[in-house]
């Protein structure tokens, strides 16, 4: 059974990846970064989701001596040229604040206030990376395409979930059940794409 460490202290992400691997028939001993309190925090200095995911994965692999998985994700709005993109979590300028999600959402909606529904296309993007202690690396990307609502709807999820309505859906991501969201989310797609990579590299 391969042992993997996920570069996050978010228990939800660990649970999600563990379920994806299990559903794919891949037995893996997966732990989060909390199991390694001395592992360094990583500054996301990359200019793409893939670069940031690789930075985190390589740092954790070196610190733990284990294969490491990391992801980076965000919202890309068509009329903003792909912004907020890698700046999604700090769009309003204070990512560590308790109300950061609300501030980011409010700023984005204000910027799009005069944009009509036909032009409010956007997608969530996620890059998931696997890095081995020997420097081997792989990246898989996933996307969830949709349209941005004018008013937030739903209480589930986090970040920009209350305003993205996935294509083919009548609800926002924040109105979906956790199982529904995981089945179509950008992060779920990227993590599922890592399964054959884990099989290939770790057996």
C-alpha atoms as a PDB file:
ATOM      1  CA  UNK A   1       0.000   0.000   0.000  1.00  0.00           C
ATOM      2  CA  UNK A   2       1.658   3.277  -1.086  1.00  0.00           C
ATOM      3  CA  UNK A   3       1.913   6.026   1.497  1.00  0.00           C
ATOM      4  CA  UNK A   4       1.048   9.544   0.347  1.00  0.00           C
ATOM      5  CA  UNK A   5       0.986  12.912   2.044  1.00  0.00           C
ATOM      6  CA  UNK A   6      -1.350  15.665   0.897  1.00  0.00           C
ATOM      7  CA  UNK A   7       0.009  19.208   1.120  1.00  0.00           C
ATOM      8  CA  UNK A   8      -2.904  20.665   3.041  1.00  0.00           C
ATOM      9  CA  UNK A   9      -4.103  21.092   6.582  1.00  0.00           C
ATOM     10  CA  UNK A  10      -7.682  21.074   5.272  1.00  0.00           C
ATOM     11  CA  UNK A  11      -9.264  17.853   6.561  1.00  0.00           C
ATOM     12  CA  UNK A  12     -11.988  18.069   3.900  1.00  0.00           C
ATOM     13  CA  UNK A  13      -9.440  17.820   1.087  1.00  0.00           C
ATOM     14  CA  UNK A  14      -7.790  14.804   2.716  1.00  0.00           C
ATOM     15  CA  UNK A  15     -11.163  13.063   3.058  1.00  0.00           C
ATOM     16  CA  UNK A  16     -12.054  13.922  -0.545  1.00  0.00           C
ATOM     17  CA  UNK A  17      -8.836  12.538  -2.027  1.00  0.00           C
ATOM     18  CA  UNK A  18      -9.019   9.435   0.161  1.00  0.00           C
ATOM     19  CA  UNK A  19     -12.536   8.748  -1.171  1.00  0.00           C
ATOM     20  CA  UNK A  20     -11.484   9.325  -4.801  1.00  0.00           C
ATOM     21  CA  UNK A  21      -8.580   6.893  -4.480  1.00  0.00           C
ATOM     22  CA  UNK A  22     -10.809   4.301  -2.812  1.00  0.00           C
ATOM     23  CA  UNK A  23     -13.527   4.649  -5.465  1.00  0.00           C
ATOM     24  CA  UNK A  24     -10.872   4.043  -8.111  1.00  0.00           C
ATOM     25  CA  UNK A  25      -9.839   0.839  -6.362  1.00  0.00           C
ATOM     26  CA  UNK A  26      -6.500   2.253  -5.260  1.00  0.00           C
ATOM     27  CA  UNK A  27      -5.487   1.451  -1.704  1.00  0.00           C
ATOM     28  CA  UNK A  28      -3.283   4.190  -0.295  1.00  0.00           C
ATOM     29  CA  UNK A  29      -2.270   5.335   3.163  1.00  0.00           C
ATOM     30  CA  UNK A  30      -3.050   9.038   2.840  1.00  0.00           C
ATOM     31  CA  UNK A  31      -2.291  11.647   5.486  1.00  0.00           C
ATOM     32  CA  UNK A  32      -2.417  15.425   5.560  1.00  0.00           C
ATOM     33  CA  UNK A  33       0.376  17.868   6.341  1.00  0.00           C
ATOM     34  CA  UNK A  34      -0.854  18.073   9.946  1.00  0.00           C
ATOM     35  CA  UNK A  35       0.904  14.750  10.531  1.00  0.00           C
ATOM     36  CA  UNK A  36       4.202  16.598   9.915  1.00  0.00           C
ATOM     37  CA  UNK A  37       4.135  19.730  12.113  1.00  0.00           C
ATOM     38  CA  UNK A  38       7.709  20.629  11.169  1.00  0.00           C
ATOM     39  CA  UNK A  39       6.928  20.729   7.446  1.00  0.00           C
ATOM     40  CA  UNK A  40       7.382  24.306   6.177  1.00  0.00           C
ATOM     41  CA  UNK A  41       4.589  26.494   4.885  1.00  0.00           C
ATOM     42  CA  UNK A  42       4.990  27.260   1.197  1.00  0.00           C
ATOM     43  CA  UNK A  43       4.561  30.682  -0.372  1.00  0.00           C
ATOM     44  CA  UNK A  44       2.623  30.414  -3.615  1.00  0.00           C
ATOM     45  CA  UNK A  45       5.050  32.343  -5.795  1.00  0.00           C
ATOM     46  CA  UNK A  46       4.202  30.567  -9.049  1.00  0.00           C
ATOM     47  CA  UNK A  47       2.355  32.325 -11.857  1.00  0.00           C
ATOM     48  CA  UNK A  48       0.161  29.335 -12.762  1.00  0.00           C
ATOM     49  CA  UNK A  49      -1.904  26.843 -10.789  1.00  0.00           C
ATOM     50  CA  UNK A  50       0.464  24.073 -11.890  1.00  0.00           C
ATOM     51  CA  UNK A  51       3.560  25.939 -10.666  1.00  0.00           C
ATOM     52  CA  UNK A  52       2.018  26.548  -7.252  1.00  0.00           C
ATOM     53  CA  UNK A  53       0.856  22.941  -6.913  1.00  0.00           C
ATOM     54  CA  UNK A  54       4.344  21.680  -7.795  1.00  0.00           C
ATOM     55  CA  UNK A  55       5.989  24.079  -5.349  1.00  0.00           C
ATOM     56  CA  UNK A  56       3.887  22.706  -2.514  1.00  0.00           C
ATOM     57  CA  UNK A  57       4.256  19.060  -3.550  1.00  0.00           C
ATOM     58  CA  UNK A  58       8.046  19.187  -3.934  1.00  0.00           C
ATOM     59  CA  UNK A  59       8.494  21.046  -0.640  1.00  0.00           C
ATOM     60  CA  UNK A  60       6.466  18.467   1.264  1.00  0.00           C
ATOM     61  CA  UNK A  61       8.116  15.526  -0.494  1.00  0.00           C
ATOM     62  CA  UNK A  62      11.556  16.832   0.484  1.00  0.00           C
ATOM     63  CA  UNK A  63      10.449  17.533   4.067  1.00  0.00           C
ATOM     64  CA  UNK A  64       8.807  14.154   4.652  1.00  0.00           C
ATOM     65  CA  UNK A  65      10.644  11.775   2.331  1.00  0.00           C
ATOM     66  CA  UNK A  66       7.243  10.625   1.038  1.00  0.00           C
ATOM     67  CA  UNK A  67       5.403  11.030  -2.273  1.00  0.00           C
ATOM     68  CA  UNK A  68       3.389  14.235  -1.924  1.00  0.00           C
ATOM     69  CA  UNK A  69       0.227  15.475  -3.568  1.00  0.00           C
ATOM     70  CA  UNK A  70      -0.723  19.150  -3.726  1.00  0.00           C
ATOM     71  CA  UNK A  71      -3.257  21.258  -5.553  1.00  0.00           C
ATOM     72  CA  UNK A  72      -3.895  24.877  -6.414  1.00  0.00           C
ATOM     73  CA  UNK A  73      -7.168  26.188  -7.706  1.00  0.00           C
ATOM     74  CA  UNK A  74      -9.176  29.298  -8.377  1.00  0.00           C
ATOM     75  CA  UNK A  75     -11.867  31.035 -10.397  1.00  0.00           C
ATOM     76  CA  UNK A  76     -11.130  32.288 -13.911  1.00  0.00           C
ATOM     77  CA  UNK A  77     -13.585  34.836 -15.327  1.00  0.00           C
ATOM     78  CA  UNK A  78     -13.735  35.262 -19.099  1.00  0.00           C
ATOM     79  CA  UNK A  79     -14.331  39.021 -19.233  1.00  0.00           C
ATOM     80  CA  UNK A  80     -11.535  39.596 -16.712  1.00  0.00           C
ATOM     81  CA  UNK A  81      -9.033  37.776 -18.905  1.00  0.00           C
ATOM     82  CA  UNK A  82      -8.906  34.785 -16.563  1.00  0.00           C
ATOM     83  CA  UNK A  83      -8.710  36.747 -13.302  1.00  0.00           C
ATOM     84  CA  UNK A  84      -8.858  36.338 -10.341  1.00  0.00           C
ATOM     85  CA  UNK A  85      -7.055  33.101 -11.301  1.00  0.00           C
ATOM     86  CA  UNK A  86      -4.120  32.357  -9.012  1.00  0.00           C
ATOM     87  CA  UNK A  87      -5.091  35.415  -6.938  1.00  0.00           C
ATOM     88  CA  UNK A  88      -8.590  34.062  -6.182  1.00  0.00           C
ATOM     89  CA  UNK A  89      -7.972  33.564  -2.462  1.00  0.00           C
ATOM     90  CA  UNK A  90      -6.488  37.045  -2.052  1.00  0.00           C
ATOM     91  CA  UNK A  91      -8.533  39.032  -4.562  1.00  0.00           C
ATOM     92  CA  UNK A  92      -9.699  41.533  -1.933  1.00  0.00           C
ATOM     93  CA  UNK A  93      -6.201  41.759  -0.473  1.00  0.00           C
ATOM     94  CA  UNK A  94      -6.452  40.012   2.895  1.00  0.00           C
ATOM     95  CA  UNK A  95      -6.430  36.219   2.492  1.00  0.00           C
ATOM     96  CA  UNK A  96      -5.894  35.500   6.196  1.00  0.00           C
ATOM     97  CA  UNK A  97      -8.940  37.415   7.402  1.00  0.00           C
ATOM     98  CA  UNK A  98     -11.954  35.507   8.768  1.00  0.00           C
ATOM     99  CA  UNK A  99     -14.225  37.203   6.219  1.00  0.00           C
ATOM    100  CA  UNK A 100     -11.832  36.817   3.261  1.00  0.00           C
ATOM    101  CA  UNK A 101     -14.243  34.673   1.238  1.00  0.00           C
ATOM    102  CA  UNK A 102     -17.041  37.187   1.660  1.00  0.00           C
ATOM    103  CA  UNK A 103     -14.768  40.121   0.789  1.00  0.00           C
ATOM    104  CA  UNK A 104     -13.430  38.384  -2.332  1.00  0.00           C
ATOM    105  CA  UNK A 105     -16.941  37.538  -3.483  1.00  0.00           C
ATOM    106  CA  UNK A 106     -18.260  41.057  -2.872  1.00  0.00           C
ATOM    107  CA  UNK A 107     -15.393  42.661  -4.787  1.00  0.00           C
ATOM    108  CA  UNK A 108     -15.786  40.358  -7.776  1.00  0.00           C
ATOM    109  CA  UNK A 109     -19.544  40.923  -7.951  1.00  0.00           C
ATOM    110  CA  UNK A 110     -18.987  44.680  -7.813  1.00  0.00           C
ATOM    111  CA  UNK A 111     -16.506  44.455 -10.687  1.00  0.00           C
ATOM    112  CA  UNK A 112     -19.016  42.482 -12.769  1.00  0.00           C
ATOM    113  CA  UNK A 113     -22.081  44.510 -11.814  1.00  0.00           C
ATOM    114  CA  UNK A 114     -22.678  45.855 -15.336  1.00  0.00           C
ATOM    115  CA  UNK A 115     -21.944  42.585 -17.135  1.00  0.00           C
ATOM    116  CA  UNK A 116     -25.000  40.746 -18.475  1.00  0.00           C
ATOM    117  CA  UNK A 117     -25.594  37.032 -17.976  1.00  0.00           C
ATOM    118  CA  UNK A 118     -24.579  36.029 -21.546  1.00  0.00           C
ATOM    119  CA  UNK A 119     -21.107  37.423 -20.857  1.00  0.00           C
ATOM    120  CA  UNK A 120     -20.594  36.046 -17.343  1.00  0.00           C
ATOM    121  CA  UNK A 121     -18.854  32.837 -18.388  1.00  0.00           C
ATOM    122  CA  UNK A 122     -16.206  31.481 -16.021  1.00  0.00           C
ATOM    123  CA  UNK A 123     -14.611  28.287 -14.819  1.00  0.00           C
ATOM    124  CA  UNK A 124     -13.051  26.852 -11.724  1.00  0.00           C
ATOM    125  CA  UNK A 125      -9.593  25.453 -12.467  1.00  0.00           C
ATOM    126  CA  UNK A 126      -7.484  23.074 -10.412  1.00  0.00           C
ATOM    127  CA  UNK A 127      -3.993  21.696 -10.913  1.00  0.00           C
ATOM    128  CA  UNK A 128      -3.145  18.597  -8.867  1.00  0.00           C
ATOM    129  CA  UNK A 129       0.514  17.612  -8.618  1.00  0.00           C
ATOM    130  CA  UNK A 130       2.327  14.493  -7.478  1.00  0.00           C
ATOM    131  CA  UNK A 131       5.996  14.857  -6.523  1.00  0.00           C
ATOM    132  CA  UNK A 132       8.361  12.105  -5.399  1.00  0.00           C
ATOM    133  CA  UNK A 133      11.364  12.634  -3.116  1.00  0.00           C
ATOM    134  CA  UNK A 134      13.657  11.901  -6.093  1.00  0.00           C
ATOM    135  CA  UNK A 135      12.251  14.914  -7.981  1.00  0.00           C
ATOM    136  CA  UNK A 136       9.864  13.038 -10.275  1.00  0.00           C
ATOM    137  CA  UNK A 137       6.739  15.127 -10.885  1.00  0.00           C
ATOM    138  CA  UNK A 138       3.414  14.958 -12.679  1.00  0.00           C
ATOM    139  CA  UNK A 139       0.544  17.443 -12.957  1.00  0.00           C
ATOM    140  CA  UNK A 140      -3.092  16.868 -13.902  1.00  0.00           C
ATOM    141  CA  UNK A 141      -5.600  19.683 -14.401  1.00  0.00           C
ATOM    142  CA  UNK A 142      -9.376  19.772 -14.035  1.00  0.00           C
ATOM    143  CA  UNK A 143     -11.977  22.398 -14.885  1.00  0.00           C
ATOM    144  CA  UNK A 144     -15.600  23.127 -14.069  1.00  0.00           C
ATOM    145  CA  UNK A 145     -17.234  25.442 -16.582  1.00  0.00           C
ATOM    146  CA  UNK A 146     -20.246  27.602 -15.731  1.00  0.00           C
ATOM    147  CA  UNK A 147     -21.883  31.018 -15.520  1.00  0.00           C
ATOM    148  CA  UNK A 148     -21.627  33.538 -12.704  1.00  0.00           C
ATOM    149  CA  UNK A 149     -24.827  34.522 -10.927  1.00  0.00           C
ATOM    150  CA  UNK A 150     -25.534  38.157 -10.064  1.00  0.00           C
ATOM    151  CA  UNK A 151     -26.498  37.255  -6.479  1.00  0.00           C
ATOM    152  CA  UNK A 152     -24.951  34.532  -4.280  1.00  0.00           C
ATOM    153  CA  UNK A 153     -27.142  31.486  -3.697  1.00  0.00           C
ATOM    154  CA  UNK A 154     -26.614  28.538  -1.366  1.00  0.00           C
ATOM    155  CA  UNK A 155     -24.831  27.942   1.912  1.00  0.00           C
ATOM    156  CA  UNK A 156     -22.597  24.991   1.058  1.00  0.00           C
ATOM    157  CA  UNK A 157     -19.040  24.972  -0.202  1.00  0.00           C
ATOM    158  CA  UNK A 158     -16.762  27.976   0.176  1.00  0.00           C
ATOM    159  CA  UNK A 159     -15.074  30.751  -1.777  1.00  0.00           C
ATOM    160  CA  UNK A 160     -16.866  31.575  -5.013  1.00  0.00           C
ATOM    161  CA  UNK A 161     -19.155  28.523  -4.899  1.00  0.00           C
ATOM    162  CA  UNK A 162     -22.301  30.638  -4.258  1.00  0.00           C
ATOM    163  CA  UNK A 163     -22.023  32.412  -7.630  1.00  0.00           C
ATOM    164  CA  UNK A 164     -20.850  29.745 -10.098  1.00  0.00           C
ATOM    165  CA  UNK A 165     -23.681  27.825 -11.737  1.00  0.00           C
ATOM    166  CA  UNK A 166     -22.152  24.831 -13.542  1.00  0.00           C
ATOM    167  CA  UNK A 167     -23.145  24.248 -17.157  1.00  0.00           C
ATOM    168  CA  UNK A 168     -26.172  21.968 -17.284  1.00  0.00           C
ATOM    169  CA  UNK A 169     -27.183  22.841 -13.717  1.00  0.00           C
ATOM    170  CA  UNK A 170     -29.887  25.119 -12.323  1.00  0.00           C
ATOM    171  CA  UNK A 171     -28.117  25.459  -8.972  1.00  0.00           C
ATOM    172  CA  UNK A 172     -24.860  27.046  -7.890  1.00  0.00           C
ATOM    173  CA  UNK A 173     -21.995  24.973  -6.532  1.00  0.00           C
ATOM    174  CA  UNK A 174     -23.026  26.118  -3.044  1.00  0.00           C
ATOM    175  CA  UNK A 175     -26.489  24.594  -3.556  1.00  0.00           C
ATOM    176  CA  UNK A 176     -25.176  21.155  -4.532  1.00  0.00           C
ATOM    177  CA  UNK A 177     -24.753  18.364  -2.018  1.00  0.00           C
ATOM    178  CA  UNK A 178     -21.143  17.499  -1.166  1.00  0.00           C
ATOM    179  CA  UNK A 179     -21.429  14.285  -3.191  1.00  0.00           C
ATOM    180  CA  UNK A 180     -22.857  16.139  -6.210  1.00  0.00           C
ATOM    181  CA  UNK A 181     -20.157  18.771  -6.032  1.00  0.00           C
ATOM    182  CA  UNK A 182     -17.332  16.245  -5.707  1.00  0.00           C
ATOM    183  CA  UNK A 183     -18.628  14.329  -8.728  1.00  0.00           C
ATOM    184  CA  UNK A 184     -18.275  17.299 -11.081  1.00  0.00           C
ATOM    185  CA  UNK A 185     -15.877  19.691  -9.364  1.00  0.00           C
ATOM    186  CA  UNK A 186     -12.599  20.845 -10.831  1.00  0.00           C
ATOM    187  CA  UNK A 187     -10.742  19.471  -7.812  1.00  0.00           C
ATOM    188  CA  UNK A 188     -12.481  16.113  -8.049  1.00  0.00           C
ATOM    189  CA  UNK A 189     -11.625  15.861 -11.745  1.00  0.00           C
ATOM    190  CA  UNK A 190      -7.982  16.739 -11.148  1.00  0.00           C
ATOM    191  CA  UNK A 191      -7.623  14.317  -8.244  1.00  0.00           C
ATOM    192  CA  UNK A 192      -9.281  11.519 -10.225  1.00  0.00           C
ATOM    193  CA  UNK A 193      -6.829  12.234 -13.022  1.00  0.00           C
ATOM    194  CA  UNK A 194      -3.990  11.578 -10.576  1.00  0.00           C
ATOM    195  CA  UNK A 195      -5.144   8.022  -9.862  1.00  0.00           C
ATOM    196  CA  UNK A 196      -3.476   6.431 -12.933  1.00  0.00           C
ATOM    197  CA  UNK A 197      -0.361   8.514 -12.223  1.00  0.00           C
ATOM    198  CA  UNK A 198      -0.170   7.149  -8.681  1.00  0.00           C
ATOM    199  CA  UNK A 199      -0.611   3.623 -10.047  1.00  0.00           C
ATOM    200  CA  UNK A 200       2.127   4.178 -12.624  1.00  0.00           C
ATOM    201  CA  UNK A 201       4.702   5.699 -10.285  1.00  0.00           C
ATOM    202  CA  UNK A 202       3.960   3.944  -7.006  1.00  0.00           C
ATOM    203  CA  UNK A 203       2.443   0.625  -8.053  1.00  0.00           C
END
